[in-house]
């Protein structure tokens, strides 16, 4: 998990704590909406991290395959 995702999750937790401590319903709901938004940001960041890792793996595999082809042709 990247620092971005961790930051977003931390902000969501803080928003939930603030919501728990609120006496006013509208303020509590505002904090809970913020927590949902932060959770969404975290989910998107984790998805991007996963996609980035898969792309890196794919490029590494392609690079390894092309190097093997070059080695075969040079032999």
N, C-alpha and C. Protein backbone atom coordinates (compact mmCIF):
# COMPACT_ATOMS: atom_id res chain seq x y z
N UNK A 1 0.84 -1.17 0.00
CA UNK A 1 0.00 0.00 0.00
C UNK A 1 0.90 1.24 0.00
N UNK A 2 0.54 2.18 -0.82
CA UNK A 2 1.35 3.39 -0.91
C UNK A 2 1.04 4.34 0.24
N UNK A 3 1.87 5.34 0.35
CA UNK A 3 1.63 6.33 1.39
C UNK A 3 0.36 7.12 1.10
N UNK A 4 0.01 7.26 -0.19
CA UNK A 4 -1.24 7.95 -0.52
C UNK A 4 -2.44 7.19 0.06
N UNK A 5 -2.49 5.91 -0.20
CA UNK A 5 -3.61 5.10 0.28
C UNK A 5 -3.65 5.12 1.81
N UNK A 6 -2.50 5.00 2.42
CA UNK A 6 -2.45 5.01 3.88
C UNK A 6 -2.92 6.37 4.42
N UNK A 7 -2.52 7.44 3.76
CA UNK A 7 -2.96 8.77 4.17
C UNK A 7 -4.48 8.88 4.09
N UNK A 8 -5.05 8.41 2.98
CA UNK A 8 -6.50 8.47 2.81
C UNK A 8 -7.23 7.65 3.88
N UNK A 9 -6.71 6.47 4.17
CA UNK A 9 -7.33 5.64 5.21
C UNK A 9 -7.24 6.29 6.58
N UNK A 10 -6.13 6.95 6.84
CA UNK A 10 -5.96 7.66 8.11
C UNK A 10 -6.96 8.80 8.21
N UNK A 11 -7.11 9.55 7.12
CA UNK A 11 -8.07 10.67 7.13
C UNK A 11 -9.50 10.15 7.33
N UNK A 12 -9.82 9.01 6.74
CA UNK A 12 -11.16 8.42 6.93
C UNK A 12 -11.38 8.05 8.39
N UNK A 13 -10.37 7.49 9.01
CA UNK A 13 -10.48 7.11 10.42
C UNK A 13 -10.66 8.35 11.30
N UNK A 14 -9.94 9.41 10.98
CA UNK A 14 -10.07 10.66 11.75
C UNK A 14 -11.48 11.22 11.59
N UNK A 15 -11.99 11.19 10.37
CA UNK A 15 -13.34 11.70 10.13
C UNK A 15 -14.37 10.88 10.92
N UNK A 16 -14.18 9.57 10.99
CA UNK A 16 -15.11 8.74 11.76
C UNK A 16 -15.03 9.05 13.26
N UNK A 17 -13.82 9.28 13.75
CA UNK A 17 -13.65 9.65 15.16
C UNK A 17 -14.35 10.98 15.45
N UNK A 18 -14.19 11.92 14.54
CA UNK A 18 -14.86 13.21 14.71
C UNK A 18 -16.38 13.04 14.70
N UNK A 19 -16.86 12.16 13.82
CA UNK A 19 -18.30 11.91 13.75
C UNK A 19 -18.80 11.30 15.06
N UNK A 20 -18.02 10.39 15.63
CA UNK A 20 -18.43 9.75 16.89
C UNK A 20 -18.53 10.76 18.02
N UNK A 21 -17.71 11.80 17.97
CA UNK A 21 -17.70 12.78 19.04
C UNK A 21 -18.67 13.93 18.84
N UNK A 22 -19.41 13.94 17.76
CA UNK A 22 -20.32 15.06 17.46
C UNK A 22 -21.67 14.87 18.13
N UNK A 23 -22.20 16.00 18.58
CA UNK A 23 -23.53 15.99 19.17
C UNK A 23 -24.58 16.40 18.14
N UNK A 24 -24.18 17.17 17.16
CA UNK A 24 -25.11 17.65 16.15
C UNK A 24 -25.19 16.65 14.98
N UNK A 25 -26.40 16.29 14.62
CA UNK A 25 -26.60 15.30 13.55
C UNK A 25 -26.01 15.75 12.22
N UNK A 26 -26.21 17.02 11.86
CA UNK A 26 -25.72 17.48 10.56
C UNK A 26 -24.20 17.46 10.49
N UNK A 27 -23.54 17.77 11.60
CA UNK A 27 -22.07 17.74 11.62
C UNK A 27 -21.59 16.30 11.57
N UNK A 28 -22.26 15.41 12.31
CA UNK A 28 -21.90 13.99 12.30
C UNK A 28 -22.03 13.43 10.88
N UNK A 29 -23.14 13.75 10.22
CA UNK A 29 -23.35 13.27 8.84
C UNK A 29 -22.30 13.82 7.90
N UNK A 30 -21.90 15.05 8.10
CA UNK A 30 -20.85 15.64 7.27
C UNK A 30 -19.53 14.88 7.43
N UNK A 31 -19.18 14.58 8.67
CA UNK A 31 -17.95 13.81 8.92
C UNK A 31 -18.04 12.41 8.33
N UNK A 32 -19.19 11.79 8.41
CA UNK A 32 -19.35 10.44 7.84
C UNK A 32 -19.27 10.47 6.32
N UNK A 33 -19.82 11.52 5.71
CA UNK A 33 -19.68 11.66 4.25
C UNK A 33 -18.22 11.86 3.86
N UNK A 34 -17.51 12.63 4.66
CA UNK A 34 -16.08 12.83 4.41
C UNK A 34 -15.34 11.51 4.53
N UNK A 35 -15.68 10.70 5.53
CA UNK A 35 -15.02 9.41 5.71
C UNK A 35 -15.26 8.52 4.50
N UNK A 36 -16.49 8.53 3.98
CA UNK A 36 -16.79 7.74 2.78
C UNK A 36 -15.96 8.21 1.59
N UNK A 37 -15.81 9.52 1.46
CA UNK A 37 -15.01 10.05 0.35
C UNK A 37 -13.55 9.63 0.49
N UNK A 38 -13.00 9.74 1.70
CA UNK A 38 -11.61 9.33 1.93
C UNK A 38 -11.43 7.84 1.64
N UNK A 39 -12.41 7.02 2.03
CA UNK A 39 -12.35 5.59 1.73
C UNK A 39 -12.34 5.36 0.22
N UNK A 40 -13.13 6.13 -0.51
CA UNK A 40 -13.14 6.02 -1.96
C UNK A 40 -11.80 6.38 -2.57
N UNK A 41 -11.19 7.46 -2.05
CA UNK A 41 -9.87 7.85 -2.53
C UNK A 41 -8.85 6.74 -2.27
N UNK A 42 -8.94 6.13 -1.10
CA UNK A 42 -8.01 5.05 -0.74
C UNK A 42 -8.20 3.85 -1.66
N UNK A 43 -9.45 3.51 -1.95
CA UNK A 43 -9.72 2.38 -2.84
C UNK A 43 -9.15 2.64 -4.23
N UNK A 44 -9.32 3.86 -4.72
CA UNK A 44 -8.78 4.20 -6.04
C UNK A 44 -7.26 4.16 -6.04
N UNK A 45 -6.64 4.63 -4.96
CA UNK A 45 -5.18 4.61 -4.87
C UNK A 45 -4.66 3.18 -4.84
N UNK A 46 -5.34 2.30 -4.09
CA UNK A 46 -4.92 0.90 -4.03
C UNK A 46 -5.11 0.21 -5.38
N UNK A 47 -6.19 0.54 -6.07
CA UNK A 47 -6.42 -0.03 -7.40
C UNK A 47 -5.34 0.44 -8.37
N UNK A 48 -4.98 1.71 -8.30
CA UNK A 48 -3.92 2.24 -9.15
C UNK A 48 -2.59 1.56 -8.85
N UNK A 49 -2.31 1.32 -7.58
CA UNK A 49 -1.07 0.62 -7.20
C UNK A 49 -1.04 -0.79 -7.78
N UNK A 50 -2.16 -1.47 -7.71
CA UNK A 50 -2.26 -2.82 -8.24
C UNK A 50 -2.06 -2.82 -9.75
N UNK A 51 -2.71 -1.89 -10.43
CA UNK A 51 -2.57 -1.81 -11.89
C UNK A 51 -1.14 -1.46 -12.27
N UNK A 52 -0.51 -0.58 -11.51
CA UNK A 52 0.87 -0.20 -11.79
C UNK A 52 1.80 -1.40 -11.62
N UNK A 53 1.59 -2.19 -10.57
CA UNK A 53 2.41 -3.37 -10.33
C UNK A 53 2.22 -4.41 -11.43
N UNK A 54 0.96 -4.60 -11.87
CA UNK A 54 0.70 -5.56 -12.94
C UNK A 54 1.34 -5.11 -14.25
N UNK A 55 1.30 -3.81 -14.53
CA UNK A 55 1.91 -3.27 -15.75
C UNK A 55 3.43 -3.45 -15.70
N UNK A 56 4.02 -3.22 -14.55
CA UNK A 56 5.46 -3.40 -14.40
C UNK A 56 5.83 -4.86 -14.61
N UNK A 57 5.03 -5.76 -14.06
CA UNK A 57 5.28 -7.19 -14.22
C UNK A 57 5.17 -7.59 -15.69
N UNK A 58 4.15 -7.06 -16.37
CA UNK A 58 3.96 -7.38 -17.78
C UNK A 58 5.13 -6.87 -18.62
N UNK A 59 5.57 -5.65 -18.35
CA UNK A 59 6.69 -5.08 -19.10
C UNK A 59 7.98 -5.85 -18.84
N UNK A 60 8.16 -6.29 -17.60
CA UNK A 60 9.35 -7.07 -17.27
C UNK A 60 9.34 -8.40 -18.02
N UNK A 61 8.15 -9.03 -18.08
CA UNK A 61 8.04 -10.30 -18.80
C UNK A 61 8.29 -10.11 -20.29
N UNK A 62 7.77 -9.03 -20.85
CA UNK A 62 7.99 -8.75 -22.27
C UNK A 62 9.46 -8.47 -22.53
N UNK A 63 10.10 -7.74 -21.64
CA UNK A 63 11.50 -7.41 -21.79
C UNK A 63 12.35 -8.68 -21.73
N UNK A 64 12.01 -9.56 -20.79
CA UNK A 64 12.75 -10.82 -20.67
C UNK A 64 12.57 -11.69 -21.90
N UNK A 65 11.37 -11.72 -22.45
CA UNK A 65 11.10 -12.52 -23.65
C UNK A 65 11.86 -11.97 -24.84
N UNK A 66 11.89 -10.65 -24.98
CA UNK A 66 12.59 -10.07 -26.12
C UNK A 66 14.10 -10.27 -26.00
N UNK A 67 14.62 -10.25 -24.78
CA UNK A 67 16.05 -10.49 -24.59
C UNK A 67 16.40 -11.93 -24.94
N UNK A 68 15.50 -12.86 -24.62
CA UNK A 68 15.75 -14.25 -24.96
C UNK A 68 15.72 -14.42 -26.47
N UNK A 69 14.83 -13.72 -27.18
CA UNK A 69 14.77 -13.80 -28.63
C UNK A 69 16.05 -13.29 -29.27
N UNK A 70 16.55 -12.19 -28.73
CA UNK A 70 17.80 -11.60 -29.24
C UNK A 70 18.95 -12.57 -29.02
N UNK A 71 19.02 -13.19 -27.85
CA UNK A 71 20.07 -14.15 -27.54
C UNK A 71 20.00 -15.36 -28.46
N UNK A 72 18.78 -15.79 -28.78
CA UNK A 72 18.59 -16.92 -29.67
C UNK A 72 19.04 -16.57 -31.08
N UNK A 73 18.72 -15.37 -31.53
CA UNK A 73 19.09 -14.95 -32.87
C UNK A 73 20.59 -14.75 -33.00
N UNK A 74 21.26 -14.33 -31.93
CA UNK A 74 22.70 -14.12 -31.96
C UNK A 74 23.46 -15.43 -31.96
N UNK A 75 22.84 -16.51 -31.51
CA UNK A 75 23.54 -17.80 -31.42
C UNK A 75 23.72 -18.45 -32.75
